[in-house]
């Protein structure tokens, strides 16, 4: 009876984590470049009362045995890097990656992070930065804003400034945006602020040009939306709730059976 209590409790704990993951997905349904998370589960160890294949007292072989599981645990919470839908914004500094790849961002103190969110801004020195003020790498700097007409970013990452100088329009090359990919993007560490950190599990970042060698192409004036499927997440929410309720029923049922045993009289 005690075994049933702890088994049901492990199920409740696992579904609580599942609910946390699903709730975070729903909360980030409108977050630019967000990638949905999924809680994965695995069963715990088994109590082998009778091993499969043992020989019984009359010399026959037991085909299946008696194995009683001791519950469930969360094995991992993985990210799905499936492409999110692209939203047209018409803003020059909004960039979406159509395909594989990440932008590289310089963190305060010299660290590096990676992101799929391309809603870039310009800081006081003219550098392209994230909404938190972290610089895009390699650095792209826009000078002389008084002569600037527009910014053009090609699908292969070339950044150009169209200027009007004395009534004559000129084109200035500002640099190239690079993309980075990993052999195991699910191994990246979520940092918050739409950023990911490289880990040993993700492997080393591989640099490349957009729209070549398997890297995605850049789409100026677009943003990649969250890849969360809100209908699917609502279903997951209901499933998690019902699973939690059923595991709680297991606890109350085991408790009632224990109460019955405790009330037995000789």
C-alpha atoms as a PDB file:
ATOM      1  CA  UNK A   1       0.000   0.000   0.000  1.00  0.00           C
ATOM      2  CA  UNK A   2       2.856   2.382   0.854  1.00  0.00           C
ATOM      3  CA  UNK A   3       4.327   1.627  -2.585  1.00  0.00           C
ATOM      4  CA  UNK A   4       1.156   2.923  -4.268  1.00  0.00           C
ATOM      5  CA  UNK A   5       1.349   6.154  -2.271  1.00  0.00           C
ATOM      6  CA  UNK A   6       4.888   6.939  -3.389  1.00  0.00           C
ATOM      7  CA  UNK A   7       4.219   5.839  -6.977  1.00  0.00           C
ATOM      8  CA  UNK A   8       1.231   8.170  -7.266  1.00  0.00           C
ATOM      9  CA  UNK A   9       3.200  10.958  -5.607  1.00  0.00           C
ATOM     10  CA  UNK A  10       5.951  10.622  -8.224  1.00  0.00           C
ATOM     11  CA  UNK A  11       3.298  10.948 -10.932  1.00  0.00           C
ATOM     12  CA  UNK A  12       1.941  14.128  -9.339  1.00  0.00           C
ATOM     13  CA  UNK A  13       5.439  15.608  -9.125  1.00  0.00           C
ATOM     14  CA  UNK A  14       6.143  14.772 -12.781  1.00  0.00           C
ATOM     15  CA  UNK A  15       2.870  16.330 -13.937  1.00  0.00           C
ATOM     16  CA  UNK A  16       3.622  19.448 -11.915  1.00  0.00           C
ATOM     17  CA  UNK A  17       6.844  19.851 -13.899  1.00  0.00           C
ATOM     18  CA  UNK A  18       4.931  19.143 -17.099  1.00  0.00           C
ATOM     19  CA  UNK A  19       2.449  21.865 -16.187  1.00  0.00           C
ATOM     20  CA  UNK A  20       5.314  24.306 -15.549  1.00  0.00           C
ATOM     21  CA  UNK A  21       6.762  23.600 -19.013  1.00  0.00           C
ATOM     22  CA  UNK A  22       3.412  23.911 -20.798  1.00  0.00           C
ATOM     23  CA  UNK A  23       2.603  27.128 -18.928  1.00  0.00           C
ATOM     24  CA  UNK A  24       5.922  28.645 -19.986  1.00  0.00           C
ATOM     25  CA  UNK A  25       5.189  27.741 -23.620  1.00  0.00           C
ATOM     26  CA  UNK A  26       1.800  29.429 -23.440  1.00  0.00           C
ATOM     27  CA  UNK A  27       3.294  32.498 -21.731  1.00  0.00           C
ATOM     28  CA  UNK A  28       5.804  32.863 -24.613  1.00  0.00           C
ATOM     29  CA  UNK A  29       3.356  32.332 -27.470  1.00  0.00           C
ATOM     30  CA  UNK A  30       4.090  35.883 -28.723  1.00  0.00           C
ATOM     31  CA  UNK A  31       7.825  35.955 -27.908  1.00  0.00           C
ATOM     32  CA  UNK A  32       9.957  36.578 -31.003  1.00  0.00           C
ATOM     33  CA  UNK A  33      12.120  33.568 -31.884  1.00  0.00           C
ATOM     34  CA  UNK A  34      10.931  31.493 -28.911  1.00  0.00           C
ATOM     35  CA  UNK A  35      11.266  27.717 -29.249  1.00  0.00           C
ATOM     36  CA  UNK A  36       8.796  25.489 -27.433  1.00  0.00           C
ATOM     37  CA  UNK A  37       9.911  23.152 -24.671  1.00  0.00           C
ATOM     38  CA  UNK A  38       8.686  19.636 -23.992  1.00  0.00           C
ATOM     39  CA  UNK A  39       8.945  17.603 -20.806  1.00  0.00           C
ATOM     40  CA  UNK A  40       9.974  13.983 -21.389  1.00  0.00           C
ATOM     41  CA  UNK A  41       9.406  11.230 -18.854  1.00  0.00           C
ATOM     42  CA  UNK A  42      10.875   7.863 -17.974  1.00  0.00           C
ATOM     43  CA  UNK A  43       9.776   5.120 -15.599  1.00  0.00           C
ATOM     44  CA  UNK A  44      11.678   4.482 -12.383  1.00  0.00           C
ATOM     45  CA  UNK A  45      13.239   1.221 -11.239  1.00  0.00           C
ATOM     46  CA  UNK A  46      11.141  -1.906 -10.862  1.00  0.00           C
ATOM     47  CA  UNK A  47      10.751  -4.213  -7.905  1.00  0.00           C
ATOM     48  CA  UNK A  48      11.325  -7.694  -9.298  1.00  0.00           C
ATOM     49  CA  UNK A  49       9.225 -10.046  -7.241  1.00  0.00           C
ATOM     50  CA  UNK A  50       9.663 -12.802  -9.803  1.00  0.00           C
ATOM     51  CA  UNK A  51      12.111 -12.449 -12.710  1.00  0.00           C
ATOM     52  CA  UNK A  52      10.926 -13.330 -16.213  1.00  0.00           C
ATOM     53  CA  UNK A  53      12.262 -16.676 -17.433  1.00  0.00           C
ATOM     54  CA  UNK A  54      12.910 -18.258 -14.034  1.00  0.00           C
ATOM     55  CA  UNK A  55      12.130 -21.944 -13.572  1.00  0.00           C
ATOM     56  CA  UNK A  56       9.125 -22.674 -11.391  1.00  0.00           C
ATOM     57  CA  UNK A  57       8.858 -25.450  -8.790  1.00  0.00           C
ATOM     58  CA  UNK A  58       7.356 -27.891 -11.304  1.00  0.00           C
ATOM     59  CA  UNK A  59      10.159 -27.294 -13.817  1.00  0.00           C
ATOM     60  CA  UNK A  60       8.328 -24.937 -16.195  1.00  0.00           C
ATOM     61  CA  UNK A  61       9.665 -21.558 -17.275  1.00  0.00           C
ATOM     62  CA  UNK A  62       7.832 -18.415 -16.109  1.00  0.00           C
ATOM     63  CA  UNK A  63       7.069 -16.404 -19.282  1.00  0.00           C
ATOM     64  CA  UNK A  64       6.700 -12.904 -17.849  1.00  0.00           C
ATOM     65  CA  UNK A  65       7.354 -12.810 -14.120  1.00  0.00           C
ATOM     66  CA  UNK A  66       6.203 -10.148 -11.665  1.00  0.00           C
ATOM     67  CA  UNK A  67       7.713  -6.682 -11.984  1.00  0.00           C
ATOM     68  CA  UNK A  68       6.120  -3.731 -10.204  1.00  0.00           C
ATOM     69  CA  UNK A  69       7.150  -0.219 -11.224  1.00  0.00           C
ATOM     70  CA  UNK A  70       7.903   2.438  -8.644  1.00  0.00           C
ATOM     71  CA  UNK A  71       6.723   5.501 -10.521  1.00  0.00           C
ATOM     72  CA  UNK A  72       7.913   8.097 -13.012  1.00  0.00           C
ATOM     73  CA  UNK A  73      10.362  10.991 -13.241  1.00  0.00           C
ATOM     74  CA  UNK A  74      11.150  13.793 -15.682  1.00  0.00           C
ATOM     75  CA  UNK A  75      14.090  12.646 -17.797  1.00  0.00           C
ATOM     76  CA  UNK A  76      14.678  15.970 -19.547  1.00  0.00           C
ATOM     77  CA  UNK A  77      13.056  19.132 -20.893  1.00  0.00           C
ATOM     78  CA  UNK A  78      14.008  19.477 -24.551  1.00  0.00           C
ATOM     79  CA  UNK A  79      13.671  22.361 -27.009  1.00  0.00           C
ATOM     80  CA  UNK A  80      12.077  22.014 -30.433  1.00  0.00           C
ATOM     81  CA  UNK A  81      13.890  24.181 -32.977  1.00  0.00           C
ATOM     82  CA  UNK A  82      11.265  23.779 -35.658  1.00  0.00           C
ATOM     83  CA  UNK A  83      10.867  26.892 -37.823  1.00  0.00           C
ATOM     84  CA  UNK A  84       8.336  29.410 -36.541  1.00  0.00           C
ATOM     85  CA  UNK A  85       6.095  31.338 -38.902  1.00  0.00           C
ATOM     86  CA  UNK A  86       7.429  34.606 -40.344  1.00  0.00           C
ATOM     87  CA  UNK A  87       5.621  37.852 -39.589  1.00  0.00           C
ATOM     88  CA  UNK A  88       5.937  40.817 -41.951  1.00  0.00           C
ATOM     89  CA  UNK A  89       6.825  44.002 -40.041  1.00  0.00           C
ATOM     90  CA  UNK A  90       8.257  46.277 -42.800  1.00  0.00           C
ATOM     91  CA  UNK A  91      10.881  47.466 -40.309  1.00  0.00           C
ATOM     92  CA  UNK A  92      14.393  47.677 -41.786  1.00  0.00           C
ATOM     93  CA  UNK A  93      16.227  46.246 -38.775  1.00  0.00           C
ATOM     94  CA  UNK A  94      13.885  43.300 -38.261  1.00  0.00           C
ATOM     95  CA  UNK A  95      15.511  40.091 -39.512  1.00  0.00           C
ATOM     96  CA  UNK A  96      14.175  36.556 -39.683  1.00  0.00           C
ATOM     97  CA  UNK A  97      16.235  33.447 -40.386  1.00  0.00           C
ATOM     98  CA  UNK A  98      14.401  31.256 -42.870  1.00  0.00           C
ATOM     99  CA  UNK A  99      16.077  27.927 -42.232  1.00  0.00           C
ATOM    100  CA  UNK A 100      18.967  26.815 -40.034  1.00  0.00           C
ATOM    101  CA  UNK A 101      21.191  29.117 -37.997  1.00  0.00           C
ATOM    102  CA  UNK A 102      21.528  31.552 -35.104  1.00  0.00           C
ATOM    103  CA  UNK A 103      22.717  35.141 -34.738  1.00  0.00           C
ATOM    104  CA  UNK A 104      25.743  35.564 -32.442  1.00  0.00           C
ATOM    105  CA  UNK A 105      25.481  38.137 -29.666  1.00  0.00           C
ATOM    106  CA  UNK A 106      28.225  39.661 -27.509  1.00  0.00           C
ATOM    107  CA  UNK A 107      27.365  39.563 -23.814  1.00  0.00           C
ATOM    108  CA  UNK A 108      28.568  42.131 -21.266  1.00  0.00           C
ATOM    109  CA  UNK A 109      31.998  41.030 -20.071  1.00  0.00           C
ATOM    110  CA  UNK A 110      32.956  39.388 -23.366  1.00  0.00           C
ATOM    111  CA  UNK A 111      30.863  36.216 -23.375  1.00  0.00           C
ATOM    112  CA  UNK A 112      28.935  34.975 -26.412  1.00  0.00           C
ATOM    113  CA  UNK A 113      25.335  33.897 -26.826  1.00  0.00           C
ATOM    114  CA  UNK A 114      23.113  32.919 -29.736  1.00  0.00           C
ATOM    115  CA  UNK A 115      19.574  33.841 -30.700  1.00  0.00           C
ATOM    116  CA  UNK A 116      16.877  33.424 -33.343  1.00  0.00           C
ATOM    117  CA  UNK A 117      15.255  36.750 -32.408  1.00  0.00           C
ATOM    118  CA  UNK A 118      16.122  39.328 -35.047  1.00  0.00           C
ATOM    119  CA  UNK A 119      14.354  42.425 -33.690  1.00  0.00           C
ATOM    120  CA  UNK A 120      17.527  44.518 -33.673  1.00  0.00           C
ATOM    121  CA  UNK A 121      17.939  48.154 -32.665  1.00  0.00           C
ATOM    122  CA  UNK A 122      20.674  50.776 -33.083  1.00  0.00           C
ATOM    123  CA  UNK A 123      22.525  52.024 -29.995  1.00  0.00           C
ATOM    124  CA  UNK A 124      24.007  55.471 -29.384  1.00  0.00           C
ATOM    125  CA  UNK A 125      27.212  54.509 -31.226  1.00  0.00           C
ATOM    126  CA  UNK A 126      25.366  53.188 -34.274  1.00  0.00           C
ATOM    127  CA  UNK A 127      25.907  49.455 -33.570  1.00  0.00           C
ATOM    128  CA  UNK A 128      23.220  46.869 -34.219  1.00  0.00           C
ATOM    129  CA  UNK A 129      22.132  45.533 -30.820  1.00  0.00           C
ATOM    130  CA  UNK A 130      19.412  43.396 -29.271  1.00  0.00           C
ATOM    131  CA  UNK A 131      16.557  44.908 -27.283  1.00  0.00           C
ATOM    132  CA  UNK A 132      18.772  44.472 -24.188  1.00  0.00           C
ATOM    133  CA  UNK A 133      21.611  46.439 -25.800  1.00  0.00           C
ATOM    134  CA  UNK A 134      23.874  43.446 -26.572  1.00  0.00           C
ATOM    135  CA  UNK A 135      25.894  43.883 -29.774  1.00  0.00           C
ATOM    136  CA  UNK A 136      25.422  41.680 -32.812  1.00  0.00           C
ATOM    137  CA  UNK A 137      28.587  39.829 -33.865  1.00  0.00           C
ATOM    138  CA  UNK A 138      30.373  40.552 -36.171  1.00  0.00           C
ATOM    139  CA  UNK A 139      29.771  44.214 -35.341  1.00  0.00           C
ATOM    140  CA  UNK A 140      27.688  46.232 -37.784  1.00  0.00           C
ATOM    141  CA  UNK A 141      27.987  50.009 -37.257  1.00  0.00           C
ATOM    142  CA  UNK A 142      25.857  52.671 -38.946  1.00  0.00           C
ATOM    143  CA  UNK A 143      27.526  56.096 -39.008  1.00  0.00           C
ATOM    144  CA  UNK A 144      26.414  59.542 -40.202  1.00  0.00           C
ATOM    145  CA  UNK A 145      22.666  59.131 -39.639  1.00  0.00           C
ATOM    146  CA  UNK A 146      22.033  62.589 -41.101  1.00  0.00           C
ATOM    147  CA  UNK A 147      22.768  61.312 -44.623  1.00  0.00           C
ATOM    148  CA  UNK A 148      21.150  57.905 -44.180  1.00  0.00           C
ATOM    149  CA  UNK A 149      18.190  57.095 -46.416  1.00  0.00           C
ATOM    150  CA  UNK A 150      17.696  53.387 -45.769  1.00  0.00           C
ATOM    151  CA  UNK A 151      19.378  50.157 -44.712  1.00  0.00           C
ATOM    152  CA  UNK A 152      19.401  47.173 -47.063  1.00  0.00           C
ATOM    153  CA  UNK A 153      20.177  43.638 -45.871  1.00  0.00           C
ATOM    154  CA  UNK A 154      20.430  40.935 -48.525  1.00  0.00           C
ATOM    155  CA  UNK A 155      19.400  37.275 -48.036  1.00  0.00           C
ATOM    156  CA  UNK A 156      23.105  36.347 -47.861  1.00  0.00           C
ATOM    157  CA  UNK A 157      23.795  38.806 -45.031  1.00  0.00           C
ATOM    158  CA  UNK A 158      25.392  41.787 -46.794  1.00  0.00           C
ATOM    159  CA  UNK A 159      24.461  45.040 -45.049  1.00  0.00           C
ATOM    160  CA  UNK A 160      24.427  48.290 -47.070  1.00  0.00           C
ATOM    161  CA  UNK A 161      23.502  51.875 -46.276  1.00  0.00           C
ATOM    162  CA  UNK A 162      21.852  54.024 -48.927  1.00  0.00           C
ATOM    163  CA  UNK A 163      22.888  57.651 -48.390  1.00  0.00           C
ATOM    164  CA  UNK A 164      21.929  61.011 -49.840  1.00  0.00           C
ATOM    165  CA  UNK A 165      24.988  63.251 -50.011  1.00  0.00           C
ATOM    166  CA  UNK A 166      24.463  66.558 -51.755  1.00  0.00           C
ATOM    167  CA  UNK A 167      21.481  65.265 -53.656  1.00  0.00           C
ATOM    168  CA  UNK A 168      23.380  62.212 -54.910  1.00  0.00           C
ATOM    169  CA  UNK A 169      22.496  58.762 -53.606  1.00  0.00           C
ATOM    170  CA  UNK A 170      25.366  56.445 -52.816  1.00  0.00           C
ATOM    171  CA  UNK A 171      25.595  52.903 -51.418  1.00  0.00           C
ATOM    172  CA  UNK A 172      27.996  52.140 -48.563  1.00  0.00           C
ATOM    173  CA  UNK A 173      28.902  48.559 -47.585  1.00  0.00           C
ATOM    174  CA  UNK A 174      28.655  48.239 -43.796  1.00  0.00           C
ATOM    175  CA  UNK A 175      29.626  44.594 -43.354  1.00  0.00           C
ATOM    176  CA  UNK A 176      28.231  41.084 -43.394  1.00  0.00           C
ATOM    177  CA  UNK A 177      26.022  39.246 -40.939  1.00  0.00           C
ATOM    178  CA  UNK A 178      27.151  35.695 -40.168  1.00  0.00           C
ATOM    179  CA  UNK A 179      25.078  32.775 -38.960  1.00  0.00           C
ATOM    180  CA  UNK A 180      26.045  29.937 -36.624  1.00  0.00           C
ATOM    181  CA  UNK A 181      24.724  26.426 -36.156  1.00  0.00           C
ATOM    182  CA  UNK A 182      25.301  23.472 -33.835  1.00  0.00           C
ATOM    183  CA  UNK A 183      25.356  19.735 -34.369  1.00  0.00           C
ATOM    184  CA  UNK A 184      22.970  19.412 -31.403  1.00  0.00           C
ATOM    185  CA  UNK A 185      20.991  22.637 -30.891  1.00  0.00           C
ATOM    186  CA  UNK A 186      18.846  20.890 -28.248  1.00  0.00           C
ATOM    187  CA  UNK A 187      22.006  20.882 -26.100  1.00  0.00           C
ATOM    188  CA  UNK A 188      22.125  24.680 -25.933  1.00  0.00           C
ATOM    189  CA  UNK A 189      21.513  26.235 -22.519  1.00  0.00           C
ATOM    190  CA  UNK A 190      18.579  28.640 -22.333  1.00  0.00           C
ATOM    191  CA  UNK A 191      19.854  31.918 -20.892  1.00  0.00           C
ATOM    192  CA  UNK A 192      16.691  34.004 -21.021  1.00  0.00           C
ATOM    193  CA  UNK A 193      16.220  37.219 -23.041  1.00  0.00           C
ATOM    194  CA  UNK A 194      15.803  34.996 -26.147  1.00  0.00           C
ATOM    195  CA  UNK A 195      19.451  33.890 -25.821  1.00  0.00           C
ATOM    196  CA  UNK A 196      21.167  30.480 -25.751  1.00  0.00           C
ATOM    197  CA  UNK A 197      24.620  29.548 -24.499  1.00  0.00           C
ATOM    198  CA  UNK A 198      26.948  26.993 -26.070  1.00  0.00           C
ATOM    199  CA  UNK A 199      27.588  23.846 -24.003  1.00  0.00           C
ATOM    200  CA  UNK A 200      29.581  20.660 -24.414  1.00  0.00           C
ATOM    201  CA  UNK A 201      26.337  18.910 -25.356  1.00  0.00           C
ATOM    202  CA  UNK A 202      25.586  21.360 -28.175  1.00  0.00           C
ATOM    203  CA  UNK A 203      29.043  21.113 -29.733  1.00  0.00           C
ATOM    204  CA  UNK A 204      31.097  23.967 -31.134  1.00  0.00           C
ATOM    205  CA  UNK A 205      29.428  26.726 -33.132  1.00  0.00           C
ATOM    206  CA  UNK A 206      29.993  26.477 -36.891  1.00  0.00           C
ATOM    207  CA  UNK A 207      30.153  29.826 -38.712  1.00  0.00           C
ATOM    208  CA  UNK A 208      28.798  30.344 -42.184  1.00  0.00           C
ATOM    209  CA  UNK A 209      27.215  32.785 -44.607  1.00  0.00           C
ATOM    210  CA  UNK A 210      23.434  33.044 -44.790  1.00  0.00           C
ATOM    211  CA  UNK A 211      21.800  31.355 -47.773  1.00  0.00           C
ATOM    212  CA  UNK A 212      24.775  29.034 -48.385  1.00  0.00           C
ATOM    213  CA  UNK A 213      26.172  25.675 -47.197  1.00  0.00           C
ATOM    214  CA  UNK A 214      22.901  24.683 -45.547  1.00  0.00           C
ATOM    215  CA  UNK A 215      22.448  27.912 -43.549  1.00  0.00           C
ATOM    216  CA  UNK A 216      19.117  29.706 -43.714  1.00  0.00           C
ATOM    217  CA  UNK A 217      18.622  32.921 -45.597  1.00  0.00           C
ATOM    218  CA  UNK A 218      17.837  36.284 -44.043  1.00  0.00           C
ATOM    219  CA  UNK A 219      14.518  37.995 -44.597  1.00  0.00           C
ATOM    220  CA  UNK A 220      14.622  41.741 -43.963  1.00  0.00           C
ATOM    221  CA  UNK A 221      11.426  43.270 -42.635  1.00  0.00           C
ATOM    222  CA  UNK A 222      10.279  39.990 -41.087  1.00  0.00           C
ATOM    223  CA  UNK A 223      10.408  38.420 -37.623  1.00  0.00           C
ATOM    224  CA  UNK A 224      10.230  34.748 -36.716  1.00  0.00           C
ATOM    225  CA  UNK A 225       7.282  34.134 -34.428  1.00  0.00           C
ATOM    226  CA  UNK A 226       7.236  31.635 -31.584  1.00  0.00           C
ATOM    227  CA  UNK A 227       6.830  28.053 -32.818  1.00  0.00           C
ATOM    228  CA  UNK A 228       4.358  27.291 -30.019  1.00  0.00           C
ATOM    229  CA  UNK A 229       1.134  25.693 -31.256  1.00  0.00           C
ATOM    230  CA  UNK A 230      -1.378  27.203 -28.853  1.00  0.00           C
ATOM    231  CA  UNK A 231      -4.080  24.588 -29.579  1.00  0.00           C
ATOM    232  CA  UNK A 232      -1.642  21.747 -28.915  1.00  0.00           C
ATOM    233  CA  UNK A 233      -0.463  23.403 -25.707  1.00  0.00           C
ATOM    234  CA  UNK A 234      -4.041  23.801 -24.461  1.00  0.00           C
ATOM    235  CA  UNK A 235      -4.579  20.077 -25.049  1.00  0.00           C
ATOM    236  CA  UNK A 236      -1.315  19.344 -23.200  1.00  0.00           C
ATOM    237  CA  UNK A 237      -2.571  21.531 -20.363  1.00  0.00           C
ATOM    238  CA  UNK A 238      -5.770  19.510 -20.073  1.00  0.00           C
ATOM    239  CA  UNK A 239      -3.880  16.200 -20.251  1.00  0.00           C
ATOM    240  CA  UNK A 240      -1.469  17.329 -17.513  1.00  0.00           C
ATOM    241  CA  UNK A 241      -4.357  18.424 -15.310  1.00  0.00           C
ATOM    242  CA  UNK A 242      -6.251  15.156 -15.722  1.00  0.00           C
ATOM    243  CA  UNK A 243      -3.105  13.074 -15.177  1.00  0.00           C
ATOM    244  CA  UNK A 244      -2.429  15.026 -11.979  1.00  0.00           C
ATOM    245  CA  UNK A 245      -5.988  14.417 -10.801  1.00  0.00           C
ATOM    246  CA  UNK A 246      -5.780  10.677 -11.513  1.00  0.00           C
ATOM    247  CA  UNK A 247      -2.490  10.375  -9.626  1.00  0.00           C
ATOM    248  CA  UNK A 248      -4.041  12.217  -6.693  1.00  0.00           C
ATOM    249  CA  UNK A 249      -6.872   9.677  -6.821  1.00  0.00           C
ATOM    250  CA  UNK A 250      -4.237   6.975  -6.464  1.00  0.00           C
ATOM    251  CA  UNK A 251      -2.996   8.655  -3.277  1.00  0.00           C
ATOM    252  CA  UNK A 252      -6.484   8.985  -1.781  1.00  0.00           C
ATOM    253  CA  UNK A 253      -7.427   5.411  -2.747  1.00  0.00           C
ATOM    254  CA  UNK A 254      -4.272   4.006  -1.130  1.00  0.00           C
ATOM    255  CA  UNK A 255      -4.984   6.127   1.940  1.00  0.00           C
ATOM    256  CA  UNK A 256      -8.539   4.778   2.189  1.00  0.00           C
ATOM    257  CA  UNK A 257      -7.288   1.196   1.905  1.00  0.00           C
ATOM    258  CA  UNK A 258      -4.736   1.874   4.674  1.00  0.00           C
ATOM    259  CA  UNK A 259      -7.526   3.333   6.813  1.00  0.00           C
ATOM    260  CA  UNK A 260      -9.570   0.185   6.243  1.00  0.00           C
ATOM    261  CA  UNK A 261      -6.658  -1.977   7.367  1.00  0.00           C
ATOM    262  CA  UNK A 262      -6.062   0.235  10.402  1.00  0.00           C
ATOM    263  CA  UNK A 263      -9.711  -0.124  11.435  1.00  0.00           C
ATOM    264  CA  UNK A 264      -9.716  -3.938  11.316  1.00  0.00           C
ATOM    265  CA  UNK A 265     -10.520  -5.516  14.622  1.00  0.00           C
ATOM    266  CA  UNK A 266      -9.491  -8.957  15.734  1.00  0.00           C
END
